[in-house]
Amino acid sequence: MSDSRTQLRDLIHVMSGNGHRKFLVNLAGVDFIDSDGMGELVRCYSPVRQRGGEMKLVHVNKKVQHLLHITRLNTLFEIYAD
């Protein structure tokens, strides 16, 4: 674990504080997401939604899609192949 796990959350926090409301998270380089990674996505999603924004996932490979499905996070995020 390192500080890099909070980089996404920090970036989204700053951008949403500056008025951005729509976020598209590109997971093209992500082969696997563990429970910490999934928790981080949810921690990013909540403040975005509280501010009336949207957060969607794109370039999600089949393995990550499967993990999102079995954890039911696919009901939280709109997921796009490309």
PDB file of N, CA and C in Angstrom:
ATOM      1  N   MET A   1       0.844  -1.180   0.000  1.00  0.00           N
ATOM      2  CA  MET A   1       0.000   0.000   0.000  1.00  0.00           C
ATOM      3  C   MET A   1       0.885   1.238   0.000  1.00  0.00           C
ATOM      4  N   SER A   2       0.462   2.214  -0.744  1.00  0.00           N
ATOM      5  CA  SER A   2       1.238   3.448  -0.803  1.00  0.00           C
ATOM      6  C   SER A   2       0.298   4.633  -0.934  1.00  0.00           C
ATOM      7  N   ASP A   3       0.897   5.808  -0.973  1.00  0.00           N
ATOM      8  CA  ASP A   3       0.089   7.019  -1.129  1.00  0.00           C
ATOM      9  C   ASP A   3      -0.584   7.094  -2.491  1.00  0.00           C
ATOM     10  N   SER A   4      -0.120   6.283  -3.444  1.00  0.00           N
ATOM     11  CA  SER A   4      -0.715   6.333  -4.777  1.00  0.00           C
ATOM     12  C   SER A   4      -2.177   5.911  -4.765  1.00  0.00           C
ATOM     13  N   ARG A   5      -2.588   5.163  -3.768  1.00  0.00           N
ATOM     14  CA  ARG A   5      -3.990   4.726  -3.742  1.00  0.00           C
ATOM     15  C   ARG A   5      -4.940   5.881  -3.477  1.00  0.00           C
ATOM     16  N   THR A   6      -4.453   6.970  -2.925  1.00  0.00           N
ATOM     17  CA  THR A   6      -5.326   8.121  -2.672  1.00  0.00           C
ATOM     18  C   THR A   6      -5.237   9.178  -3.764  1.00  0.00           C
ATOM     19  N   GLN A   7      -4.377   8.968  -4.749  1.00  0.00           N
ATOM     20  CA  GLN A   7      -4.223   9.966  -5.809  1.00  0.00           C
ATOM     21  C   GLN A   7      -5.523  10.202  -6.561  1.00  0.00           C
ATOM     22  N   LEU A   8      -6.239   9.138  -6.887  1.00  0.00           N
ATOM     23  CA  LEU A   8      -7.508   9.295  -7.601  1.00  0.00           C
ATOM     24  C   LEU A   8      -8.495  10.083  -6.756  1.00  0.00           C
ATOM     25  N   ARG A   9      -8.604   9.709  -5.492  1.00  0.00           N
ATOM     26  CA  ARG A   9      -9.534  10.407  -4.597  1.00  0.00           C
ATOM     27  C   ARG A   9      -9.171  11.876  -4.453  1.00  0.00           C
ATOM     28  N   ASP A  10      -7.887  12.171  -4.285  1.00  0.00           N
ATOM     29  CA  ASP A  10      -7.439  13.556  -4.161  1.00  0.00           C
ATOM     30  C   ASP A  10      -7.732  14.345  -5.426  1.00  0.00           C
ATOM     31  N   LEU A  11      -7.462  13.745  -6.586  1.00  0.00           N
ATOM     32  CA  LEU A  11      -7.707  14.416  -7.859  1.00  0.00           C
ATOM     33  C   LEU A  11      -9.194  14.711  -8.047  1.00  0.00           C
ATOM     34  N   ILE A  12     -10.027  13.744  -7.764  1.00  0.00           N
ATOM     35  CA  ILE A  12     -11.473  13.938  -7.909  1.00  0.00           C
ATOM     36  C   ILE A  12     -11.976  14.977  -6.911  1.00  0.00           C
ATOM     37  N   HIS A  13     -11.441  14.958  -5.704  1.00  0.00           N
ATOM     38  CA  HIS A  13     -11.837  15.946  -4.697  1.00  0.00           C
ATOM     39  C   HIS A  13     -11.508  17.363  -5.175  1.00  0.00           C
ATOM     40  N   VAL A  14     -10.304  17.557  -5.671  1.00  0.00           N
ATOM     41  CA  VAL A  14      -9.892  18.883  -6.155  1.00  0.00           C
ATOM     42  C   VAL A  14     -10.738  19.304  -7.358  1.00  0.00           C
ATOM     43  N   MET A  15     -10.906  18.393  -8.311  1.00  0.00           N
ATOM     44  CA  MET A  15     -11.649  18.744  -9.525  1.00  0.00           C
ATOM     45  C   MET A  15     -13.124  19.015  -9.230  1.00  0.00           C
ATOM     46  N   SER A  16     -13.722  18.210  -8.354  1.00  0.00           N
ATOM     47  CA  SER A  16     -15.134  18.451  -8.027  1.00  0.00           C
ATOM     48  C   SER A  16     -15.280  19.747  -7.239  1.00  0.00           C
ATOM     49  N   GLY A  17     -14.272  20.081  -6.440  1.00  0.00           N
ATOM     50  CA  GLY A  17     -14.273  21.355  -5.720  1.00  0.00           C
ATOM     51  C   GLY A  17     -14.161  22.538  -6.654  1.00  0.00           C
ATOM     52  N   ASN A  18     -13.584  22.307  -7.837  1.00  0.00           N
ATOM     53  CA  ASN A  18     -13.452  23.357  -8.853  1.00  0.00           C
ATOM     54  C   ASN A  18     -14.622  23.379  -9.822  1.00  0.00           C
ATOM     55  N   GLY A  19     -15.675  22.612  -9.521  1.00  0.00           N
ATOM     56  CA  GLY A  19     -16.887  22.674 -10.326  1.00  0.00           C
ATOM     57  C   GLY A  19     -17.082  21.551 -11.321  1.00  0.00           C
ATOM     58  N   HIS A  20     -16.115  20.667 -11.473  1.00  0.00           N
ATOM     59  CA  HIS A  20     -16.293  19.545 -12.391  1.00  0.00           C
ATOM     60  C   HIS A  20     -17.310  18.572 -11.804  1.00  0.00           C
ATOM     61  N   ARG A  21     -18.202  18.081 -12.641  1.00  0.00           N
ATOM     62  CA  ARG A  21     -19.260  17.198 -12.163  1.00  0.00           C
ATOM     63  C   ARG A  21     -19.287  15.855 -12.880  1.00  0.00           C
ATOM     64  N   LYS A  22     -18.578  15.733 -13.995  1.00  0.00           N
ATOM     65  CA  LYS A  22     -18.605  14.485 -14.768  1.00  0.00           C
ATOM     66  C   LYS A  22     -17.205  13.897 -14.822  1.00  0.00           C
ATOM     67  N   PHE A  23     -17.101  12.624 -14.399  1.00  0.00           N
ATOM     68  CA  PHE A  23     -15.820  11.949 -14.348  1.00  0.00           C
ATOM     69  C   PHE A  23     -15.899  10.630 -15.097  1.00  0.00           C
ATOM     70  N   LEU A  24     -14.922  10.394 -15.935  1.00  0.00           N
ATOM     71  CA  LEU A  24     -14.795   9.153 -16.673  1.00  0.00           C
ATOM     72  C   LEU A  24     -13.452   8.546 -16.267  1.00  0.00           C
ATOM     73  N   VAL A  25     -13.493   7.442 -15.544  1.00  0.00           N
ATOM     74  CA  VAL A  25     -12.285   6.808 -15.033  1.00  0.00           C
ATOM     75  C   VAL A  25     -11.873   5.710 -16.015  1.00  0.00           C
ATOM     76  N   ASN A  26     -10.701   5.900 -16.631  1.00  0.00           N
ATOM     77  CA  ASN A  26     -10.181   4.971 -17.627  1.00  0.00           C
ATOM     78  C   ASN A  26      -9.383   3.877 -16.922  1.00  0.00           C
ATOM     79  N   LEU A  27      -9.877   2.647 -17.012  1.00  0.00           N
ATOM     80  CA  LEU A  27      -9.230   1.516 -16.364  1.00  0.00           C
ATOM     81  C   LEU A  27      -8.468   0.649 -17.363  1.00  0.00           C
ATOM     82  N   ALA A  28      -8.042   1.220 -18.472  1.00  0.00           N
ATOM     83  CA  ALA A  28      -7.379   0.461 -19.539  1.00  0.00           C
ATOM     84  C   ALA A  28      -6.144  -0.283 -19.046  1.00  0.00           C
ATOM     85  N   GLY A  29      -5.378   0.284 -18.154  1.00  0.00           N
ATOM     86  CA  GLY A  29      -4.166  -0.361 -17.668  1.00  0.00           C
ATOM     87  C   GLY A  29      -4.370  -1.205 -16.421  1.00  0.00           C
ATOM     88  N   VAL A  30      -5.608  -1.418 -16.031  1.00  0.00           N
ATOM     89  CA  VAL A  30      -5.900  -2.142 -14.788  1.00  0.00           C
ATOM     90  C   VAL A  30      -6.313  -3.578 -15.127  1.00  0.00           C
ATOM     91  N   ASP A  31      -5.473  -4.540 -14.704  1.00  0.00           N
ATOM     92  CA  ASP A  31      -5.763  -5.957 -14.955  1.00  0.00           C
ATOM     93  C   ASP A  31      -6.539  -6.602 -13.819  1.00  0.00           C
ATOM     94  N   PHE A  32      -6.438  -6.009 -12.622  1.00  0.00           N
ATOM     95  CA  PHE A  32      -7.058  -6.586 -11.439  1.00  0.00           C
ATOM     96  C   PHE A  32      -7.322  -5.481 -10.431  1.00  0.00           C
ATOM     97  N   ILE A  33      -8.441  -5.580  -9.739  1.00  0.00           N
ATOM     98  CA  ILE A  33      -8.754  -4.648  -8.658  1.00  0.00           C
ATOM     99  C   ILE A  33      -9.019  -5.465  -7.402  1.00  0.00           C
ATOM    100  N   ASP A  34      -8.304  -5.146  -6.326  1.00  0.00           N
ATOM    101  CA  ASP A  34      -8.556  -5.835  -5.069  1.00  0.00           C
ATOM    102  C   ASP A  34      -9.592  -5.050  -4.263  1.00  0.00           C
ATOM    103  N   SER A  35      -9.858  -5.506  -3.046  1.00  0.00           N
ATOM    104  CA  SER A  35     -10.896  -4.861  -2.238  1.00  0.00           C
ATOM    105  C   SER A  35     -10.534  -3.414  -1.901  1.00  0.00           C
ATOM    106  N   ASP A  36      -9.246  -3.128  -1.739  1.00  0.00           N
ATOM    107  CA  ASP A  36      -8.835  -1.739  -1.491  1.00  0.00           C
ATOM    108  C   ASP A  36      -9.145  -0.861  -2.701  1.00  0.00           C
ATOM    109  N   GLY A  37      -8.875  -1.367  -3.882  1.00  0.00           N
ATOM    110  CA  GLY A  37      -9.157  -0.610  -5.104  1.00  0.00           C
ATOM    111  C   GLY A  37     -10.644  -0.367  -5.302  1.00  0.00           C
ATOM    112  N   MET A  38     -11.442  -1.378  -5.025  1.00  0.00           N
ATOM    113  CA  MET A  38     -12.891  -1.221  -5.136  1.00  0.00           C
ATOM    114  C   MET A  38     -13.405  -0.220  -4.108  1.00  0.00           C
ATOM    115  N   GLY A  39     -12.858  -0.303  -2.893  1.00  0.00           N
ATOM    116  CA  GLY A  39     -13.244   0.657  -1.860  1.00  0.00           C
ATOM    117  C   GLY A  39     -12.880   2.072  -2.253  1.00  0.00           C
ATOM    118  N   GLU A  40     -11.745   2.222  -2.907  1.00  0.00           N
ATOM    119  CA  GLU A  40     -11.306   3.547  -3.345  1.00  0.00           C
ATOM    120  C   GLU A  40     -12.244   4.108  -4.414  1.00  0.00           C
ATOM    121  N   LEU A  41     -12.700   3.257  -5.327  1.00  0.00           N
ATOM    122  CA  LEU A  41     -13.667   3.703  -6.334  1.00  0.00           C
ATOM    123  C   LEU A  41     -14.952   4.193  -5.661  1.00  0.00           C
ATOM    124  N   VAL A  42     -15.414   3.459  -4.664  1.00  0.00           N
ATOM    125  CA  VAL A  42     -16.638   3.850  -3.954  1.00  0.00           C
ATOM    126  C   VAL A  42     -16.409   5.149  -3.176  1.00  0.00           C
ATOM    127  N   ARG A  43     -15.238   5.284  -2.548  1.00  0.00           N
ATOM    128  CA  ARG A  43     -14.939   6.520  -1.810  1.00  0.00           C
ATOM    129  C   ARG A  43     -14.850   7.724  -2.746  1.00  0.00           C
ATOM    130  N   CYS A  44     -14.503   7.499  -3.982  1.00  0.00           N
ATOM    131  CA  CYS A  44     -14.478   8.590  -4.967  1.00  0.00           C
ATOM    132  C   CYS A  44     -15.890   8.897  -5.452  1.00  0.00           C
ATOM    133  N   TYR A  45     -16.675   7.857  -5.627  1.00  0.00           N
ATOM    134  CA  TYR A  45     -18.024   7.984  -6.180  1.00  0.00           C
ATOM    135  C   TYR A  45     -18.951   8.793  -5.268  1.00  0.00           C
ATOM    136  N   SER A  46     -18.905   8.516  -3.982  1.00  0.00           N
ATOM    137  CA  SER A  46     -19.853   9.141  -3.052  1.00  0.00           C
ATOM    138  C   SER A  46     -19.837  10.664  -3.070  1.00  0.00           C
ATOM    139  N   PRO A  47     -18.696  11.331  -2.930  1.00  0.00           N
ATOM    140  CA  PRO A  47     -18.724  12.801  -2.950  1.00  0.00           C
ATOM    141  C   PRO A  47     -19.117  13.379  -4.308  1.00  0.00           C
ATOM    142  N   VAL A  48     -18.786  12.661  -5.369  1.00  0.00           N
ATOM    143  CA  VAL A  48     -19.180  13.119  -6.707  1.00  0.00           C
ATOM    144  C   VAL A  48     -20.707  13.134  -6.794  1.00  0.00           C
ATOM    145  N   ARG A  49     -21.341  12.052  -6.373  1.00  0.00           N
ATOM    146  CA  ARG A  49     -22.810  11.975  -6.416  1.00  0.00           C
ATOM    147  C   ARG A  49     -23.452  12.990  -5.464  1.00  0.00           C
ATOM    148  N   GLN A  50     -22.841  13.214  -4.306  1.00  0.00           N
ATOM    149  CA  GLN A  50     -23.391  14.176  -3.342  1.00  0.00           C
ATOM    150  C   GLN A  50     -23.403  15.579  -3.924  1.00  0.00           C
ATOM    151  N   ARG A  51     -22.487  15.854  -4.827  1.00  0.00           N
ATOM    152  CA  ARG A  51     -22.433  17.166  -5.476  1.00  0.00           C
ATOM    153  C   ARG A  51     -23.205  17.191  -6.792  1.00  0.00           C
ATOM    154  N   GLY A  52     -23.991  16.158  -7.042  1.00  0.00           N
ATOM    155  CA  GLY A  52     -24.816  16.118  -8.242  1.00  0.00           C
ATOM    156  C   GLY A  52     -24.072  15.695  -9.487  1.00  0.00           C
ATOM    157  N   GLY A  53     -22.938  15.048  -9.326  1.00  0.00           N
ATOM    158  CA  GLY A  53     -22.128  14.651 -10.464  1.00  0.00           C
ATOM    159  C   GLY A  53     -22.299  13.196 -10.850  1.00  0.00           C
ATOM    160  N   GLU A  54     -21.506  12.794 -11.834  1.00  0.00           N
ATOM    161  CA  GLU A  54     -21.518  11.431 -12.339  1.00  0.00           C
ATOM    162  C   GLU A  54     -20.090  10.908 -12.410  1.00  0.00           C
ATOM    163  N   MET A  55     -19.933   9.627 -12.176  1.00  0.00           N
ATOM    164  CA  MET A  55     -18.636   8.979 -12.317  1.00  0.00           C
ATOM    165  C   MET A  55     -18.862   7.660 -13.026  1.00  0.00           C
ATOM    166  N   LYS A  56     -18.224   7.492 -14.190  1.00  0.00           N
ATOM    167  CA  LYS A  56     -18.397   6.294 -15.006  1.00  0.00           C
ATOM    168  C   LYS A  56     -17.039   5.649 -15.238  1.00  0.00           C
ATOM    169  N   LEU A  57     -17.067   4.354 -15.550  1.00  0.00           N
ATOM    170  CA  LEU A  57     -15.844   3.604 -15.788  1.00  0.00           C
ATOM    171  C   LEU A  57     -15.780   3.204 -17.259  1.00  0.00           C
ATOM    172  N   VAL A  58     -14.578   3.272 -17.835  1.00  0.00           N
ATOM    173  CA  VAL A  58     -14.397   2.919 -19.242  1.00  0.00           C
ATOM    174  C   VAL A  58     -13.151   2.052 -19.405  1.00  0.00           C
ATOM    175  N   HIS A  59     -13.131   1.277 -20.481  1.00  0.00           N
ATOM    176  CA  HIS A  59     -12.036   0.349 -20.791  1.00  0.00           C
ATOM    177  C   HIS A  59     -11.835  -0.649 -19.657  1.00  0.00           C
ATOM    178  N   VAL A  60     -12.934  -1.219 -19.215  1.00  0.00           N
ATOM    179  CA  VAL A  60     -12.900  -2.197 -18.123  1.00  0.00           C
ATOM    180  C   VAL A  60     -12.763  -3.587 -18.740  1.00  0.00           C
ATOM    181  N   ASN A  61     -11.673  -4.291 -18.416  1.00  0.00           N
ATOM    182  CA  ASN A  61     -11.487  -5.623 -19.001  1.00  0.00           C
ATOM    183  C   ASN A  61     -12.448  -6.625 -18.364  1.00  0.00           C
ATOM    184  N   LYS A  62     -12.530  -7.812 -18.964  1.00  0.00           N
ATOM    185  CA  LYS A  62     -13.504  -8.814 -18.520  1.00  0.00           C
ATOM    186  C   LYS A  62     -13.268  -9.279 -17.083  1.00  0.00           C
ATOM    187  N   LYS A  63     -12.012  -9.399 -16.681  1.00  0.00           N
ATOM    188  CA  LYS A  63     -11.711  -9.843 -15.325  1.00  0.00           C
ATOM    189  C   LYS A  63     -12.202  -8.818 -14.293  1.00  0.00           C
ATOM    190  N   VAL A  64     -11.948  -7.537 -14.551  1.00  0.00           N
ATOM    191  CA  VAL A  64     -12.397  -6.480 -13.650  1.00  0.00           C
ATOM    192  C   VAL A  64     -13.920  -6.362 -13.696  1.00  0.00           C
ATOM    193  N   GLN A  65     -14.506  -6.502 -14.882  1.00  0.00           N
ATOM    194  CA  GLN A  65     -15.963  -6.480 -14.985  1.00  0.00           C
ATOM    195  C   GLN A  65     -16.580  -7.583 -14.127  1.00  0.00           C
ATOM    196  N   HIS A  66     -15.965  -8.757 -14.173  1.00  0.00           N
ATOM    197  CA  HIS A  66     -16.472  -9.881 -13.374  1.00  0.00           C
ATOM    198  C   HIS A  66     -16.412  -9.552 -11.876  1.00  0.00           C
ATOM    199  N   LEU A  67     -15.292  -8.980 -11.429  1.00  0.00           N
ATOM    200  CA  LEU A  67     -15.168  -8.603 -10.021  1.00  0.00           C
ATOM    201  C   LEU A  67     -16.199  -7.546  -9.633  1.00  0.00           C
ATOM    202  N   LEU A  68     -16.421  -6.583 -10.521  1.00  0.00           N
ATOM    203  CA  LEU A  68     -17.433  -5.555 -10.242  1.00  0.00           C
ATOM    204  C   LEU A  68     -18.828  -6.178 -10.185  1.00  0.00           C
ATOM    205  N   HIS A  69     -19.048  -7.193 -10.997  1.00  0.00           N
ATOM    206  CA  HIS A  69     -20.353  -7.867 -11.023  1.00  0.00           C
ATOM    207  C   HIS A  69     -20.584  -8.665  -9.736  1.00  0.00           C
ATOM    208  N   ILE A  70     -19.587  -9.455  -9.313  1.00  0.00           N
ATOM    209  CA  ILE A  70     -19.818 -10.294  -8.132  1.00  0.00           C
ATOM    210  C   ILE A  70     -19.889  -9.457  -6.848  1.00  0.00           C
ATOM    211  N   THR A  71     -19.316  -8.270  -6.864  1.00  0.00           N
ATOM    212  CA  THR A  71     -19.424  -7.378  -5.704  1.00  0.00           C
ATOM    213  C   THR A  71     -20.622  -6.434  -5.832  1.00  0.00           C
ATOM    214  N   ARG A  72     -21.316  -6.531  -6.950  1.00  0.00           N
ATOM    215  CA  ARG A  72     -22.500  -5.717  -7.273  1.00  0.00           C
ATOM    216  C   ARG A  72     -22.171  -4.237  -7.452  1.00  0.00           C
ATOM    217  N   LEU A  73     -20.912  -3.912  -7.616  1.00  0.00           N
ATOM    218  CA  LEU A  73     -20.551  -2.518  -7.895  1.00  0.00           C
ATOM    219  C   LEU A  73     -20.945  -2.126  -9.313  1.00  0.00           C
ATOM    220  N   ASN A  74     -21.245  -3.119 -10.144  1.00  0.00           N
ATOM    221  CA  ASN A  74     -21.726  -2.816 -11.490  1.00  0.00           C
ATOM    222  C   ASN A  74     -23.100  -2.142 -11.446  1.00  0.00           C
ATOM    223  N   THR A  75     -23.787  -2.234 -10.315  1.00  0.00           N
ATOM    224  CA  THR A  75     -25.074  -1.534 -10.175  1.00  0.00           C
ATOM    225  C   THR A  75     -24.865  -0.080  -9.752  1.00  0.00           C
ATOM    226  N   LEU A  76     -23.671   0.225  -9.278  1.00  0.00           N
ATOM    227  CA  LEU A  76     -23.351   1.575  -8.830  1.00  0.00           C
ATOM    228  C   LEU A  76     -22.787   2.412  -9.976  1.00  0.00           C
ATOM    229  N   PHE A  77     -21.909   1.795 -10.767  1.00  0.00           N
ATOM    230  CA  PHE A  77     -21.226   2.500 -11.849  1.00  0.00           C
ATOM    231  C   PHE A  77     -21.783   2.118 -13.214  1.00  0.00           C
ATOM    232  N   GLU A  78     -21.858   3.100 -14.096  1.00  0.00           N
ATOM    233  CA  GLU A  78     -22.071   2.793 -15.502  1.00  0.00           C
ATOM    234  C   GLU A  78     -20.717   2.379 -16.040  1.00  0.00           C
ATOM    235  N   ILE A  79     -20.678   1.240 -16.749  1.00  0.00           N
ATOM    236  CA  ILE A  79     -19.428   0.672 -17.209  1.00  0.00           C
ATOM    237  C   ILE A  79     -19.473   0.555 -18.729  1.00  0.00           C
ATOM    238  N   TYR A  80     -18.397   1.037 -19.366  1.00  0.00           N
ATOM    239  CA  TYR A  80     -18.302   1.011 -20.821  1.00  0.00           C
ATOM    240  C   TYR A  80     -17.027   0.294 -21.250  1.00  0.00           C
ATOM    241  N   ALA A  81     -17.136  -0.520 -22.300  1.00  0.00           N
ATOM    242  CA  ALA A  81     -15.979  -1.252 -22.824  1.00  0.00           C
ATOM    243  C   ALA A  81     -14.993  -0.290 -23.479  1.00  0.00           C
ATOM    244  N   ASP A  82     -15.513   0.697 -24.201  1.00  0.00           N
ATOM    245  CA  ASP A  82     -14.645   1.700 -24.835  1.00  0.00           C
ATOM    246  C   ASP A  82     -15.349   3.010 -24.986  1.00  0.00           C
TER     247      ASP A  82
END
